[in-house]
């Protein structure tokens, strides 16, 4: 199972998050995004969630106002990719509460971090929800410590402490 790319886009076709696991030029990436988004957005809700694009298969799933799109090798099982997409959405739901498009727009660093905890180099890293949540909580705790230390340092430098 080798995922080539993950794209999160709105119903209007605006890309909210994209992660590439293959090396492509900026021009090629934009062409893929343009072509895939136009094909996915044109499909009706009752149609199959898999479509062929050049030498790969595009697997997508719509959650609320967002489309989660993954490009994979044509030999890969698209049902497994659908499950990986669902795992990612579940992880984001646990972190953000009920994840929405605004969560991804305003906390895109966390969305990327959660994706990095689920996938590494296009391969499923950890299927355990608890393991991923533990790693995210540890990263948040480390970030909180760093913020507190930088605030304390700023207060000391300005003479308030």
N, C-alpha and C. Protein backbone atom coordinates (compact mmCIF):
# COMPACT_ATOMS: atom_id res chain seq x y z
N UNK A 1 0.84 -1.17 0.00
CA UNK A 1 0.00 0.00 0.00
C UNK A 1 0.89 1.24 0.00
N UNK A 2 0.89 1.94 -1.09
CA UNK A 2 1.69 3.16 -1.17
C UNK A 2 0.81 4.31 -1.63
N UNK A 3 0.52 5.18 -0.71
CA UNK A 3 -0.28 6.36 -1.04
C UNK A 3 0.66 7.39 -1.66
N UNK A 4 0.28 7.94 -2.77
CA UNK A 4 1.10 8.94 -3.45
C UNK A 4 0.85 10.34 -2.91
N UNK A 5 -0.40 10.63 -2.61
CA UNK A 5 -0.75 11.96 -2.10
C UNK A 5 -2.08 11.92 -1.38
N UNK A 6 -2.25 12.88 -0.49
CA UNK A 6 -3.52 13.09 0.22
C UNK A 6 -3.88 14.55 0.00
N UNK A 7 -5.11 14.79 -0.41
CA UNK A 7 -5.59 16.16 -0.61
C UNK A 7 -6.92 16.31 0.12
N UNK A 8 -7.04 17.35 0.92
CA UNK A 8 -8.31 17.69 1.53
C UNK A 8 -8.80 18.94 0.84
N UNK A 9 -10.02 18.88 0.31
CA UNK A 9 -10.56 20.04 -0.40
C UNK A 9 -12.01 20.27 -0.02
N UNK A 10 -12.41 21.51 -0.16
CA UNK A 10 -13.78 21.88 0.13
C UNK A 10 -14.68 21.51 -1.04
N UNK A 11 -15.97 21.66 -0.85
CA UNK A 11 -16.91 21.37 -1.94
C UNK A 11 -16.75 22.34 -3.10
N UNK A 12 -16.14 23.49 -2.85
CA UNK A 12 -15.89 24.46 -3.91
C UNK A 12 -14.58 24.19 -4.64
N UNK A 13 -13.83 23.22 -4.19
CA UNK A 13 -12.58 22.85 -4.84
C UNK A 13 -11.35 23.52 -4.27
N UNK A 14 -11.48 24.24 -3.16
CA UNK A 14 -10.33 24.88 -2.54
C UNK A 14 -9.54 23.86 -1.73
N UNK A 15 -8.26 23.79 -1.98
CA UNK A 15 -7.41 22.83 -1.27
C UNK A 15 -7.15 23.37 0.13
N UNK A 16 -7.47 22.54 1.11
CA UNK A 16 -7.27 22.92 2.51
C UNK A 16 -6.02 22.29 3.09
N UNK A 17 -5.60 21.15 2.55
CA UNK A 17 -4.40 20.47 3.01
C UNK A 17 -3.96 19.54 1.89
N UNK A 18 -2.68 19.48 1.66
CA UNK A 18 -2.17 18.50 0.69
C UNK A 18 -0.82 17.98 1.18
N UNK A 19 -0.63 16.70 1.03
CA UNK A 19 0.61 16.05 1.45
C UNK A 19 1.01 15.11 0.33
N UNK A 20 2.23 15.28 -0.15
CA UNK A 20 2.74 14.49 -1.27
C UNK A 20 3.81 13.53 -0.77
N UNK A 21 3.67 12.28 -1.15
CA UNK A 21 4.64 11.26 -0.76
C UNK A 21 5.52 10.84 -1.93
N UNK A 22 5.34 11.51 -3.06
CA UNK A 22 6.18 11.30 -4.23
C UNK A 22 6.75 12.65 -4.64
N UNK A 23 7.84 12.63 -5.37
CA UNK A 23 8.47 13.86 -5.80
C UNK A 23 7.93 14.26 -7.17
N UNK A 24 7.32 15.42 -7.21
CA UNK A 24 6.79 15.99 -8.45
C UNK A 24 7.10 17.47 -8.48
N UNK A 25 7.11 18.02 -9.67
CA UNK A 25 7.31 19.47 -9.79
C UNK A 25 6.04 20.19 -9.35
N UNK A 26 6.19 21.45 -9.05
CA UNK A 26 5.05 22.28 -8.63
C UNK A 26 3.97 22.27 -9.71
N UNK A 27 4.39 22.36 -10.95
CA UNK A 27 3.46 22.38 -12.09
C UNK A 27 2.68 21.07 -12.17
N UNK A 28 3.36 19.93 -11.99
CA UNK A 28 2.69 18.63 -12.05
C UNK A 28 1.71 18.45 -10.89
N UNK A 29 2.11 18.92 -9.71
CA UNK A 29 1.21 18.84 -8.55
C UNK A 29 -0.06 19.64 -8.81
N UNK A 30 0.10 20.85 -9.32
CA UNK A 30 -1.07 21.68 -9.59
C UNK A 30 -1.97 21.05 -10.66
N UNK A 31 -1.38 20.42 -11.65
CA UNK A 31 -2.17 19.76 -12.69
C UNK A 31 -2.96 18.60 -12.10
N UNK A 32 -2.31 17.80 -11.25
CA UNK A 32 -3.01 16.68 -10.61
C UNK A 32 -4.15 17.21 -9.75
N UNK A 33 -3.87 18.24 -8.95
CA UNK A 33 -4.92 18.80 -8.10
C UNK A 33 -6.09 19.31 -8.93
N UNK A 34 -5.79 20.02 -9.99
CA UNK A 34 -6.84 20.58 -10.86
C UNK A 34 -7.66 19.46 -11.50
N UNK A 35 -6.99 18.46 -12.07
CA UNK A 35 -7.69 17.38 -12.75
C UNK A 35 -8.51 16.53 -11.78
N UNK A 36 -7.88 16.13 -10.68
CA UNK A 36 -8.56 15.26 -9.72
C UNK A 36 -9.73 16.00 -9.06
N UNK A 37 -9.52 17.24 -8.69
CA UNK A 37 -10.61 17.97 -8.03
C UNK A 37 -11.80 18.14 -8.98
N UNK A 38 -11.55 18.42 -10.24
CA UNK A 38 -12.67 18.58 -11.17
C UNK A 38 -13.41 17.25 -11.35
N UNK A 39 -12.69 16.13 -11.38
CA UNK A 39 -13.35 14.83 -11.52
C UNK A 39 -14.13 14.45 -10.27
N UNK A 40 -13.55 14.68 -9.11
CA UNK A 40 -14.21 14.30 -7.85
C UNK A 40 -15.43 15.18 -7.61
N UNK A 41 -15.30 16.47 -7.80
CA UNK A 41 -16.41 17.38 -7.52
C UNK A 41 -17.58 17.19 -8.49
N UNK A 42 -17.30 16.67 -9.68
CA UNK A 42 -18.36 16.47 -10.68
C UNK A 42 -19.17 15.21 -10.42
N UNK A 43 -18.70 14.35 -9.56
CA UNK A 43 -19.38 13.07 -9.33
C UNK A 43 -20.56 13.24 -8.37
N UNK A 44 -21.59 12.46 -8.61
CA UNK A 44 -22.78 12.49 -7.75
C UNK A 44 -22.51 11.68 -6.48
N UNK A 45 -23.23 11.97 -5.41
CA UNK A 45 -22.99 11.28 -4.12
C UNK A 45 -23.15 9.76 -4.17
N UNK A 46 -24.02 9.24 -5.01
CA UNK A 46 -24.28 7.80 -5.05
C UNK A 46 -23.28 7.05 -5.93
N UNK A 47 -22.37 7.75 -6.56
CA UNK A 47 -21.40 7.09 -7.43
C UNK A 47 -20.28 6.46 -6.60
N UNK A 48 -19.55 5.56 -7.23
CA UNK A 48 -18.43 4.87 -6.58
C UNK A 48 -17.36 5.87 -6.14
N UNK A 49 -16.68 5.60 -5.05
CA UNK A 49 -15.67 6.51 -4.51
C UNK A 49 -14.27 6.24 -5.06
N UNK A 50 -14.16 5.48 -6.11
CA UNK A 50 -12.88 5.21 -6.75
C UNK A 50 -12.97 5.66 -8.20
N UNK A 51 -11.88 6.21 -8.69
CA UNK A 51 -11.81 6.53 -10.11
C UNK A 51 -10.37 6.42 -10.58
N UNK A 52 -10.21 6.15 -11.84
CA UNK A 52 -8.87 6.00 -12.39
C UNK A 52 -8.38 7.33 -12.89
N UNK A 53 -7.12 7.60 -12.61
CA UNK A 53 -6.47 8.81 -13.10
C UNK A 53 -5.08 8.43 -13.57
N UNK A 54 -4.88 8.48 -14.87
CA UNK A 54 -3.62 8.09 -15.50
C UNK A 54 -3.24 6.68 -15.05
N UNK A 55 -2.09 6.52 -14.40
CA UNK A 55 -1.64 5.19 -14.00
C UNK A 55 -1.93 4.89 -12.53
N UNK A 56 -2.86 5.64 -11.94
CA UNK A 56 -3.16 5.45 -10.52
C UNK A 56 -4.67 5.39 -10.30
N UNK A 57 -5.03 5.16 -9.07
CA UNK A 57 -6.43 5.15 -8.67
C UNK A 57 -6.63 6.26 -7.64
N UNK A 58 -7.69 7.00 -7.81
CA UNK A 58 -8.04 8.06 -6.86
C UNK A 58 -9.17 7.54 -5.98
N UNK A 59 -8.94 7.58 -4.69
CA UNK A 59 -9.92 7.14 -3.71
C UNK A 59 -10.33 8.38 -2.92
N UNK A 60 -11.62 8.62 -2.83
CA UNK A 60 -12.07 9.81 -2.10
C UNK A 60 -13.26 9.47 -1.22
N UNK A 61 -13.46 10.33 -0.26
CA UNK A 61 -14.60 10.19 0.64
C UNK A 61 -15.00 11.57 1.10
N UNK A 62 -16.26 11.84 1.15
CA UNK A 62 -16.74 13.14 1.60
C UNK A 62 -17.21 13.03 3.04
N UNK A 63 -16.68 13.93 3.86
CA UNK A 63 -17.13 14.07 5.25
C UNK A 63 -17.58 15.52 5.42
N UNK A 64 -18.86 15.71 5.65
CA UNK A 64 -19.45 17.05 5.80
C UNK A 64 -19.12 17.88 4.56
N UNK A 65 -18.37 18.96 4.73
CA UNK A 65 -18.09 19.84 3.59
C UNK A 65 -16.70 19.60 2.99
N UNK A 66 -16.02 18.55 3.43
CA UNK A 66 -14.67 18.28 2.94
C UNK A 66 -14.59 16.96 2.18
N UNK A 67 -13.80 16.98 1.12
CA UNK A 67 -13.46 15.76 0.40
C UNK A 67 -12.04 15.36 0.80
N UNK A 68 -11.87 14.12 1.21
CA UNK A 68 -10.57 13.55 1.51
C UNK A 68 -10.20 12.68 0.32
N UNK A 69 -9.15 13.07 -0.40
CA UNK A 69 -8.79 12.42 -1.65
C UNK A 69 -7.39 11.83 -1.49
N UNK A 70 -7.24 10.56 -1.90
CA UNK A 70 -5.94 9.90 -1.86
C UNK A 70 -5.65 9.31 -3.23
N UNK A 71 -4.45 9.55 -3.72
CA UNK A 71 -4.00 8.93 -4.95
C UNK A 71 -3.10 7.76 -4.60
N UNK A 72 -3.39 6.59 -5.17
CA UNK A 72 -2.64 5.38 -4.83
C UNK A 72 -2.24 4.65 -6.11
N UNK A 73 -1.34 3.70 -5.95
CA UNK A 73 -0.94 2.84 -7.07
C UNK A 73 -2.15 2.02 -7.51
N UNK A 74 -2.17 1.67 -8.78
CA UNK A 74 -3.32 0.94 -9.31
C UNK A 74 -3.42 -0.49 -8.76
N UNK A 75 -2.32 -1.01 -8.22
CA UNK A 75 -2.34 -2.37 -7.66
C UNK A 75 -2.90 -2.40 -6.24
N UNK A 76 -2.98 -1.27 -5.58
CA UNK A 76 -3.41 -1.23 -4.19
C UNK A 76 -4.91 -1.44 -4.06
N UNK A 77 -5.31 -1.94 -2.91
CA UNK A 77 -6.72 -2.18 -2.61
C UNK A 77 -7.36 -0.86 -2.18
N UNK A 78 -8.30 -0.33 -2.96
CA UNK A 78 -8.91 0.96 -2.60
C UNK A 78 -9.72 0.92 -1.31
N UNK A 79 -10.21 -0.25 -0.92
CA UNK A 79 -10.98 -0.34 0.33
C UNK A 79 -10.08 -0.11 1.54
N UNK A 80 -8.85 -0.56 1.47
CA UNK A 80 -7.91 -0.31 2.56
C UNK A 80 -7.60 1.18 2.65
N UNK A 81 -7.48 1.83 1.51
CA UNK A 81 -7.22 3.27 1.49
C UNK A 81 -8.41 4.03 2.07
N UNK A 82 -9.62 3.56 1.78
CA UNK A 82 -10.81 4.19 2.38
C UNK A 82 -10.75 4.07 3.90
N UNK A 83 -10.28 2.94 4.39
CA UNK A 83 -10.15 2.74 5.83
C UNK A 83 -9.08 3.66 6.42
N UNK A 84 -7.98 3.86 5.70
CA UNK A 84 -6.93 4.78 6.16
C UNK A 84 -7.49 6.20 6.24
N UNK A 85 -8.23 6.60 5.22
CA UNK A 85 -8.86 7.94 5.24
C UNK A 85 -9.79 8.05 6.45
N UNK A 86 -10.57 7.00 6.68
CA UNK A 86 -11.50 7.02 7.82
C UNK A 86 -10.75 7.10 9.15
N UNK A 87 -9.64 6.39 9.27
CA UNK A 87 -8.82 6.46 10.49
C UNK A 87 -8.33 7.88 10.73
N UNK A 88 -7.88 8.52 9.66
CA UNK A 88 -7.39 9.90 9.77
C UNK A 88 -8.52 10.83 10.24
N UNK A 89 -9.68 10.67 9.67
CA UNK A 89 -10.82 11.50 10.07
C UNK A 89 -11.19 11.23 11.52
N UNK A 90 -11.18 9.97 11.94
CA UNK A 90 -11.47 9.65 13.34
C UNK A 90 -10.47 10.30 14.29
N UNK A 91 -9.19 10.27 13.92
CA UNK A 91 -8.16 10.89 14.76
C UNK A 91 -8.39 12.40 14.86
N UNK A 92 -8.74 13.01 13.75
CA UNK A 92 -8.99 14.46 13.79
C UNK A 92 -10.26 14.77 14.58
N UNK A 93 -11.27 13.91 14.48
CA UNK A 93 -12.48 14.08 15.27
C UNK A 93 -12.18 14.01 16.76
N UNK A 94 -11.33 13.08 17.15
CA UNK A 94 -10.98 12.96 18.57
C UNK A 94 -10.20 14.17 19.05
N UNK A 95 -9.35 14.71 18.19
CA UNK A 95 -8.53 15.85 18.62
C UNK A 95 -9.34 17.15 18.62
N UNK A 96 -10.08 17.42 17.57
CA UNK A 96 -10.79 18.70 17.43
C UNK A 96 -12.20 18.66 18.00
N UNK A 97 -12.66 17.53 18.42
CA UNK A 97 -14.07 17.40 18.77
C UNK A 97 -14.77 16.92 17.52
N UNK A 98 -15.63 17.70 16.95
CA UNK A 98 -16.26 17.36 15.67
C UNK A 98 -15.55 18.19 14.61
N UNK A 99 -14.61 17.57 13.89
CA UNK A 99 -13.75 18.31 12.97
C UNK A 99 -14.58 18.94 11.85
N UNK A 100 -14.21 20.16 11.51
CA UNK A 100 -14.85 20.86 10.41
C UNK A 100 -13.78 21.56 9.59
N UNK A 101 -14.21 22.16 8.51
CA UNK A 101 -13.27 22.82 7.60
C UNK A 101 -12.49 23.93 8.30
N UNK A 102 -13.12 24.65 9.19
CA UNK A 102 -12.45 25.75 9.89
C UNK A 102 -11.35 25.24 10.81
N UNK A 103 -11.53 24.07 11.41
CA UNK A 103 -10.47 23.48 12.23
C UNK A 103 -9.21 23.26 11.41
N UNK A 104 -9.38 22.78 10.20
CA UNK A 104 -8.23 22.52 9.34
C UNK A 104 -7.62 23.82 8.86
N UNK A 105 -8.43 24.82 8.58
CA UNK A 105 -7.90 26.10 8.11
C UNK A 105 -7.09 26.78 9.20
N UNK A 106 -7.63 26.83 10.41
CA UNK A 106 -6.97 27.57 11.49
C UNK A 106 -5.96 26.75 12.29
N UNK A 107 -6.02 25.43 12.18
CA UNK A 107 -5.06 24.58 12.90
C UNK A 107 -4.43 23.58 11.92
N UNK A 108 -3.99 24.10 10.79
CA UNK A 108 -3.45 23.19 9.77
C UNK A 108 -2.19 22.49 10.23
N UNK A 109 -1.43 23.12 11.17
CA UNK A 109 -0.23 22.44 11.68
C UNK A 109 -0.61 21.14 12.39
N UNK A 110 -1.68 21.21 13.18
CA UNK A 110 -2.12 20.01 13.90
C UNK A 110 -2.68 18.97 12.92
N UNK A 111 -3.37 19.42 11.88
CA UNK A 111 -3.89 18.48 10.89
C UNK A 111 -2.75 17.76 10.19
N UNK A 112 -1.68 18.49 9.87
CA UNK A 112 -0.50 17.86 9.27
C UNK A 112 0.18 16.92 10.26
N UNK A 113 0.25 17.34 11.52
CA UNK A 113 0.90 16.50 12.52
C UNK A 113 0.14 15.18 12.71
N UNK A 114 -1.18 15.27 12.77
CA UNK A 114 -1.98 14.05 12.91
C UNK A 114 -1.79 13.15 11.69
N UNK A 115 -1.75 13.75 10.51
CA UNK A 115 -1.51 12.97 9.30
C UNK A 115 -0.15 12.29 9.35
N UNK A 116 0.86 13.02 9.85
CA UNK A 116 2.20 12.43 9.96
C UNK A 116 2.25 11.30 10.98
N UNK A 117 1.39 11.34 11.99
CA UNK A 117 1.34 10.26 12.96
C UNK A 117 0.63 9.03 12.39
N UNK A 118 -0.29 9.24 11.45
CA UNK A 118 -1.02 8.13 10.85
C UNK A 118 -0.23 7.53 9.68
N UNK A 119 0.35 8.38 8.84
CA UNK A 119 1.07 7.93 7.64
C UNK A 119 2.51 8.42 7.65
N UNK A 120 3.41 7.54 7.26
CA UNK A 120 4.79 7.93 7.02
C UNK A 120 5.14 7.43 5.63
N UNK A 121 5.58 8.34 4.78
CA UNK A 121 5.99 8.01 3.42
C UNK A 121 4.90 7.24 2.67
N UNK A 122 3.66 7.60 2.91
CA UNK A 122 2.55 6.97 2.21
C UNK A 122 2.14 5.62 2.75
N UNK A 123 2.75 5.19 3.83
CA UNK A 123 2.43 3.90 4.43
C UNK A 123 1.80 4.13 5.81
N UNK A 124 0.87 3.27 6.17
CA UNK A 124 0.22 3.36 7.47
C UNK A 124 1.24 3.12 8.57
N UNK A 125 1.41 4.11 9.44
CA UNK A 125 2.40 4.00 10.50
C UNK A 125 1.83 3.29 11.71
N UNK A 126 0.71 3.78 12.18
CA UNK A 126 0.14 3.25 13.42
C UNK A 126 -1.37 3.15 13.25
N UNK A 127 -1.88 1.94 13.32
CA UNK A 127 -3.33 1.77 13.20
C UNK A 127 -4.02 1.89 14.55
N UNK A 128 -3.24 1.93 15.62
CA UNK A 128 -3.80 2.06 16.97
C UNK A 128 -4.22 3.50 17.22
N UNK A 129 -5.49 3.69 17.51
CA UNK A 129 -5.97 5.04 17.79
C UNK A 129 -5.38 5.57 19.08
N UNK A 130 -5.22 4.72 20.06
CA UNK A 130 -4.64 5.17 21.33
C UNK A 130 -3.20 5.60 21.16
N UNK A 131 -2.44 4.86 20.36
CA UNK A 131 -1.04 5.22 20.13
C UNK A 131 -0.90 6.57 19.45
N UNK A 132 -1.73 6.83 18.48
CA UNK A 132 -1.69 8.13 17.78
C UNK A 132 -2.12 9.24 18.72
N UNK A 133 -3.18 9.01 19.49
CA UNK A 133 -3.64 10.04 20.43
C UNK A 133 -2.59 10.33 21.50
N UNK A 134 -1.90 9.30 21.95
CA UNK A 134 -0.84 9.49 22.94
C UNK A 134 0.29 10.35 22.37
N UNK A 135 0.69 10.10 21.14
CA UNK A 135 1.74 10.88 20.50
C UNK A 135 1.31 12.34 20.32
N UNK A 136 0.06 12.55 19.98
CA UNK A 136 -0.45 13.92 19.80
C UNK A 136 -0.48 14.64 21.14
N UNK A 137 -0.92 13.97 22.19
CA UNK A 137 -0.95 14.58 23.52
C UNK A 137 0.45 14.91 24.01
N UNK A 138 1.41 14.05 23.74
CA UNK A 138 2.80 14.33 24.12
C UNK A 138 3.33 15.55 23.37
N UNK A 139 3.02 15.65 22.10
CA UNK A 139 3.47 16.81 21.31
C UNK A 139 2.83 18.09 21.83
N UNK A 140 1.55 18.03 22.18
CA UNK A 140 0.87 19.21 22.74
C UNK A 140 1.50 19.61 24.07
N UNK A 141 1.81 18.64 24.92
CA UNK A 141 2.43 18.93 26.22
C UNK A 141 3.80 19.58 26.02
N UNK A 142 4.58 19.08 25.08
CA UNK A 142 5.89 19.65 24.79
C UNK A 142 5.76 21.08 24.26
N UNK A 143 4.77 21.30 23.41
CA UNK A 143 4.52 22.65 22.88
C UNK A 143 4.12 23.60 24.00
N UNK A 144 3.28 23.14 24.93
CA UNK A 144 2.87 23.99 26.05
C UNK A 144 4.06 24.37 26.93
N UNK A 145 4.96 23.41 27.15
CA UNK A 145 6.16 23.70 27.95
C UNK A 145 7.03 24.74 27.26
N UNK A 146 7.21 24.59 25.95
CA UNK A 146 8.03 25.55 25.20
C UNK A 146 7.42 26.94 25.22
N UNK A 147 6.11 27.03 25.10
CA UNK A 147 5.44 28.33 25.14
C UNK A 147 5.61 28.97 26.52
N UNK A 148 5.42 28.19 27.56
CA UNK A 148 5.56 28.71 28.92
C UNK A 148 6.99 29.20 29.17
N UNK A 149 7.98 28.45 28.68
CA UNK A 149 9.37 28.87 28.86
C UNK A 149 9.68 30.15 28.09
N UNK A 150 9.14 30.28 26.89
CA UNK A 150 9.41 31.49 26.11
C UNK A 150 8.72 32.71 26.73
N UNK A 151 7.54 32.52 27.31
CA UNK A 151 6.86 33.63 28.00
C UNK A 151 7.65 34.04 29.23
N UNK A 152 8.11 33.06 29.99
CA UNK A 152 8.90 33.36 31.18
C UNK A 152 10.19 34.09 30.81
N UNK A 153 10.83 33.66 29.76
CA UNK A 153 12.07 34.30 29.30
C UNK A 153 11.82 35.73 28.87
N UNK A 154 10.71 35.95 28.18
CA UNK A 154 10.35 37.31 27.75
C UNK A 154 10.06 38.21 28.92
N UNK A 155 9.38 37.68 29.94
CA UNK A 155 9.09 38.48 31.13
C UNK A 155 10.37 38.79 31.90
N UNK A 156 11.29 37.84 31.95
CA UNK A 156 12.57 38.09 32.64
C UNK A 156 13.39 39.13 31.91
N UNK A 157 13.41 39.07 30.59
CA UNK A 157 14.20 40.03 29.80
C UNK A 157 13.63 41.44 29.89
N UNK A 158 12.32 41.54 30.03
CA UNK A 158 11.70 42.87 30.13
C UNK A 158 11.68 43.40 31.54
N UNK A 159 12.13 42.59 32.52
CA UNK A 159 12.26 43.06 33.89
C UNK A 159 11.02 42.89 34.74
N UNK A 160 10.05 42.17 34.28
CA UNK A 160 8.84 41.96 35.07
C UNK A 160 9.02 40.87 36.11
N UNK A 161 10.01 40.01 35.92
CA UNK A 161 10.25 38.94 36.90
C UNK A 161 11.67 39.07 37.40
